[in-house]
Amino acid sequence: MFPVMSALDSDGNGEISSEEIKGAVVALKKLDKNKDGKLTEDELRPNFSGRGGASGQRPSRGGEGRSGQRPSRGGEGRGGQRPSRPSSGE
């Protein structure tokens, strides 16, 4: 869940009610990690714990398709195994 949604959706039902909107200022201030009165992209970015490495950066999108999986490499079959080659004696 995105940090903004987590902060605003206090009852965790996946919707932001009119009561939750009224408390938005207080909820958004909780996201201001460095307490400078501003929210930056880094403060609003989801934390993919365990996926972005120790630096907390976004995971790389290099080569990923819509499903989030990398396309298979040429020559690889299902399960990442290469298909066997026919032996030269056949």
N, C-alpha and C. Protein backbone atom coordinates (compact mmCIF):
# COMPACT_ATOMS: atom_id res chain seq x y z
N MET A 1 0.85 -1.18 0.00
CA MET A 1 0.00 0.00 0.00
C MET A 1 0.90 1.24 0.00
N PHE A 2 0.48 2.25 -0.70
CA PHE A 2 1.23 3.50 -0.75
C PHE A 2 1.18 4.20 0.60
N PRO A 3 2.27 4.86 1.01
CA PRO A 3 2.30 5.54 2.30
C PRO A 3 1.17 6.55 2.48
N VAL A 4 0.82 7.27 1.42
CA VAL A 4 -0.26 8.26 1.54
C VAL A 4 -1.58 7.56 1.89
N MET A 5 -1.84 6.46 1.20
CA MET A 5 -3.07 5.71 1.48
C MET A 5 -3.04 5.16 2.90
N SER A 6 -1.91 4.62 3.30
CA SER A 6 -1.78 4.09 4.66
C SER A 6 -2.02 5.17 5.71
N ALA A 7 -1.46 6.35 5.45
CA ALA A 7 -1.61 7.44 6.41
C ALA A 7 -3.04 7.94 6.50
N LEU A 8 -3.70 8.04 5.35
CA LEU A 8 -5.05 8.60 5.33
C LEU A 8 -6.13 7.58 5.71
N ASP A 9 -5.96 6.34 5.34
CA ASP A 9 -6.96 5.30 5.58
C ASP A 9 -6.77 4.72 6.98
N SER A 10 -7.20 5.46 8.00
CA SER A 10 -6.94 5.08 9.38
C SER A 10 -7.61 3.78 9.81
N ASP A 11 -8.74 3.42 9.19
CA ASP A 11 -9.39 2.17 9.57
C ASP A 11 -8.98 1.00 8.68
N GLY A 12 -8.15 1.25 7.66
CA GLY A 12 -7.60 0.20 6.83
C GLY A 12 -8.59 -0.53 5.94
N ASN A 13 -9.70 0.12 5.59
CA ASN A 13 -10.70 -0.55 4.75
C ASN A 13 -10.51 -0.32 3.26
N GLY A 14 -9.43 0.36 2.87
CA GLY A 14 -9.16 0.59 1.45
C GLY A 14 -9.88 1.79 0.87
N GLU A 15 -10.59 2.54 1.70
CA GLU A 15 -11.30 3.74 1.26
C GLU A 15 -10.95 4.89 2.21
N ILE A 16 -10.98 6.09 1.67
CA ILE A 16 -10.75 7.27 2.50
C ILE A 16 -12.09 7.96 2.68
N SER A 17 -12.61 7.87 3.89
CA SER A 17 -13.93 8.43 4.20
C SER A 17 -13.85 9.94 4.40
N SER A 18 -15.00 10.58 4.52
CA SER A 18 -15.03 12.03 4.76
C SER A 18 -14.38 12.35 6.10
N GLU A 19 -14.53 11.49 7.08
CA GLU A 19 -13.89 11.72 8.39
C GLU A 19 -12.37 11.61 8.27
N GLU A 20 -11.91 10.66 7.49
CA GLU A 20 -10.47 10.50 7.28
C GLU A 20 -9.91 11.68 6.49
N ILE A 21 -10.68 12.22 5.56
CA ILE A 21 -10.25 13.40 4.81
C ILE A 21 -10.11 14.60 5.75
N LYS A 22 -11.02 14.72 6.71
CA LYS A 22 -10.93 15.83 7.68
C LYS A 22 -9.64 15.75 8.49
N GLY A 23 -9.14 14.55 8.74
CA GLY A 23 -7.90 14.38 9.50
C GLY A 23 -6.67 14.28 8.63
N ALA A 24 -6.79 14.65 7.36
CA ALA A 24 -5.69 14.48 6.40
C ALA A 24 -4.44 15.27 6.77
N VAL A 25 -4.60 16.47 7.26
CA VAL A 25 -3.42 17.30 7.57
C VAL A 25 -2.57 16.62 8.63
N VAL A 26 -3.19 16.14 9.67
CA VAL A 26 -2.45 15.46 10.75
C VAL A 26 -1.82 14.18 10.22
N ALA A 27 -2.58 13.43 9.42
CA ALA A 27 -2.08 12.16 8.88
C ALA A 27 -0.89 12.39 7.94
N LEU A 28 -0.97 13.40 7.09
CA LEU A 28 0.12 13.67 6.15
C LEU A 28 1.37 14.17 6.85
N LYS A 29 1.22 14.90 7.93
CA LYS A 29 2.38 15.37 8.69
C LYS A 29 3.20 14.21 9.23
N LYS A 30 2.56 13.08 9.47
CA LYS A 30 3.27 11.90 9.97
C LYS A 30 4.24 11.34 8.92
N LEU A 31 3.99 11.63 7.64
CA LEU A 31 4.87 11.16 6.56
C LEU A 31 6.12 12.02 6.39
N ASP A 32 6.13 13.20 6.99
CA ASP A 32 7.26 14.13 6.86
C ASP A 32 8.41 13.64 7.74
N LYS A 33 9.23 12.74 7.19
CA LYS A 33 10.28 12.06 7.96
C LYS A 33 11.32 13.01 8.52
N ASN A 34 11.68 14.04 7.76
CA ASN A 34 12.72 14.96 8.23
C ASN A 34 12.15 16.22 8.90
N LYS A 35 10.84 16.25 9.05
CA LYS A 35 10.14 17.34 9.78
C LYS A 35 10.46 18.73 9.23
N ASP A 36 10.56 18.84 7.88
CA ASP A 36 10.82 20.14 7.29
C ASP A 36 9.55 20.84 6.81
N GLY A 37 8.40 20.22 7.06
CA GLY A 37 7.14 20.83 6.65
C GLY A 37 6.76 20.57 5.21
N LYS A 38 7.56 19.75 4.51
CA LYS A 38 7.29 19.42 3.10
C LYS A 38 7.31 17.91 2.94
N LEU A 39 6.58 17.43 1.95
CA LEU A 39 6.62 16.01 1.60
C LEU A 39 7.31 15.87 0.25
N THR A 40 8.37 15.09 0.23
CA THR A 40 9.11 14.86 -1.01
C THR A 40 8.72 13.50 -1.60
N GLU A 41 9.18 13.26 -2.81
CA GLU A 41 8.92 11.98 -3.47
C GLU A 41 9.46 10.82 -2.63
N ASP A 42 10.63 11.01 -2.05
CA ASP A 42 11.21 9.96 -1.21
C ASP A 42 10.32 9.64 -0.01
N GLU A 43 9.70 10.65 0.56
CA GLU A 43 8.84 10.44 1.72
C GLU A 43 7.50 9.79 1.33
N LEU A 44 7.10 9.96 0.08
CA LEU A 44 5.83 9.41 -0.39
C LEU A 44 5.99 8.07 -1.09
N ARG A 45 7.22 7.69 -1.41
CA ARG A 45 7.49 6.45 -2.14
C ARG A 45 7.22 5.24 -1.23
N PRO A 46 6.59 4.22 -1.78
CA PRO A 46 6.37 3.00 -0.99
C PRO A 46 7.71 2.37 -0.59
N ASN A 47 7.74 1.77 0.57
CA ASN A 47 8.93 1.09 1.05
C ASN A 47 8.78 -0.39 0.75
N PHE A 48 9.50 -0.87 -0.26
CA PHE A 48 9.46 -2.28 -0.62
C PHE A 48 10.52 -2.99 0.20
N SER A 49 10.23 -3.22 1.45
CA SER A 49 11.23 -3.83 2.32
C SER A 49 11.67 -5.17 1.77
N GLY A 50 12.98 -5.33 1.72
CA GLY A 50 13.56 -6.56 1.22
C GLY A 50 13.74 -6.60 -0.28
N ARG A 51 13.14 -5.69 -1.03
CA ARG A 51 13.25 -5.72 -2.48
C ARG A 51 14.18 -4.65 -3.01
N GLY A 52 14.34 -3.55 -2.31
CA GLY A 52 15.12 -2.45 -2.84
C GLY A 52 16.53 -2.40 -2.31
N GLY A 53 16.91 -3.38 -1.52
CA GLY A 53 18.24 -3.37 -0.95
C GLY A 53 18.29 -2.48 0.27
N ALA A 54 19.45 -2.40 0.87
CA ALA A 54 19.62 -1.63 2.10
C ALA A 54 19.46 -0.14 1.89
N SER A 55 19.64 0.32 0.66
CA SER A 55 19.56 1.75 0.39
C SER A 55 18.13 2.27 0.40
N GLY A 56 17.15 1.37 0.30
CA GLY A 56 15.76 1.78 0.29
C GLY A 56 15.30 2.34 -1.03
N GLN A 57 16.12 2.17 -2.08
CA GLN A 57 15.75 2.69 -3.38
C GLN A 57 14.74 1.78 -4.04
N ARG A 58 14.04 2.34 -5.02
CA ARG A 58 13.07 1.57 -5.77
C ARG A 58 13.75 0.43 -6.50
N PRO A 59 13.07 -0.72 -6.60
CA PRO A 59 13.65 -1.81 -7.38
C PRO A 59 13.77 -1.41 -8.85
N SER A 60 14.75 -1.97 -9.53
CA SER A 60 14.97 -1.67 -10.94
C SER A 60 13.82 -2.17 -11.78
N ARG A 61 13.44 -1.41 -12.80
CA ARG A 61 12.37 -1.81 -13.71
C ARG A 61 12.94 -2.33 -15.01
N GLY A 62 14.25 -2.50 -15.08
CA GLY A 62 14.90 -2.88 -16.32
C GLY A 62 14.40 -4.20 -16.89
N GLY A 63 13.69 -4.15 -18.00
CA GLY A 63 13.27 -5.34 -18.70
C GLY A 63 12.03 -6.02 -18.16
N GLU A 64 11.42 -5.46 -17.13
CA GLU A 64 10.23 -6.10 -16.59
C GLU A 64 9.01 -5.75 -17.42
N GLY A 65 8.14 -6.70 -17.59
CA GLY A 65 6.90 -6.47 -18.31
C GLY A 65 5.81 -6.01 -17.38
N ARG A 66 4.60 -5.97 -17.86
CA ARG A 66 3.47 -5.52 -17.06
C ARG A 66 3.23 -6.42 -15.86
N SER A 67 3.54 -7.70 -15.97
CA SER A 67 3.31 -8.63 -14.87
C SER A 67 4.34 -8.47 -13.78
N GLY A 68 5.39 -7.68 -14.02
CA GLY A 68 6.44 -7.52 -13.04
C GLY A 68 7.51 -8.59 -13.16
N GLN A 69 7.34 -9.51 -14.09
CA GLN A 69 8.33 -10.56 -14.29
C GLN A 69 9.19 -10.20 -15.48
N ARG A 70 10.43 -10.58 -15.39
CA ARG A 70 11.34 -10.33 -16.50
C ARG A 70 11.01 -11.28 -17.64
N PRO A 71 11.11 -10.82 -18.88
CA PRO A 71 10.87 -11.72 -20.00
C PRO A 71 11.94 -12.81 -20.02
N SER A 72 11.57 -13.99 -20.52
CA SER A 72 12.54 -15.08 -20.53
C SER A 72 13.64 -14.77 -21.54
N ARG A 73 14.82 -15.25 -21.24
CA ARG A 73 15.96 -15.04 -22.12
C ARG A 73 15.90 -16.05 -23.24
N GLY A 74 16.47 -15.69 -24.37
CA GLY A 74 16.50 -16.60 -25.51
C GLY A 74 17.17 -17.91 -25.13
N GLY A 75 16.56 -19.04 -25.50
CA GLY A 75 17.16 -20.34 -25.25
C GLY A 75 16.74 -20.95 -23.94
N GLU A 76 16.02 -20.22 -23.10
CA GLU A 76 15.58 -20.79 -21.84
C GLU A 76 14.16 -21.29 -21.97
N GLY A 77 13.92 -22.46 -21.49
CA GLY A 77 12.58 -23.02 -21.49
C GLY A 77 11.86 -22.70 -20.19
N ARG A 78 10.81 -23.39 -19.90
CA ARG A 78 10.06 -23.18 -18.67
C ARG A 78 10.93 -23.52 -17.48
N GLY A 79 10.76 -22.78 -16.42
CA GLY A 79 11.53 -23.03 -15.21
C GLY A 79 12.97 -22.58 -15.30
N GLY A 80 13.32 -21.83 -16.34
CA GLY A 80 14.67 -21.30 -16.46
C GLY A 80 15.69 -22.34 -16.92
N GLN A 81 15.27 -23.51 -17.34
CA GLN A 81 16.19 -24.53 -17.80
C GLN A 81 16.31 -24.45 -19.32
N ARG A 82 17.50 -24.63 -19.79
CA ARG A 82 17.71 -24.62 -21.23
C ARG A 82 17.26 -25.95 -21.82
N PRO A 83 16.65 -25.92 -22.99
CA PRO A 83 16.26 -27.20 -23.61
C PRO A 83 17.51 -28.00 -23.98
N SER A 84 17.40 -29.31 -23.90
CA SER A 84 18.56 -30.14 -24.19
C SER A 84 18.84 -30.12 -25.70
N ARG A 85 20.11 -30.22 -26.03
CA ARG A 85 20.52 -30.26 -27.44
C ARG A 85 20.63 -31.71 -27.88
N PRO A 86 20.26 -31.97 -29.12
CA PRO A 86 20.43 -33.35 -29.60
C PRO A 86 21.92 -33.70 -29.65
N SER A 87 22.23 -34.92 -29.32
CA SER A 87 23.63 -35.34 -29.37
C SER A 87 24.09 -35.48 -30.82
N SER A 88 25.37 -35.37 -31.05
CA SER A 88 25.91 -35.41 -32.41
C SER A 88 25.83 -36.82 -33.01
N GLY A 89 25.58 -37.86 -32.18
CA GLY A 89 25.54 -39.22 -32.69
C GLY A 89 24.18 -39.63 -33.20
N GLU A 90 23.23 -38.75 -33.28
CA GLU A 90 21.88 -39.14 -33.73
C GLU A 90 21.69 -38.97 -35.20
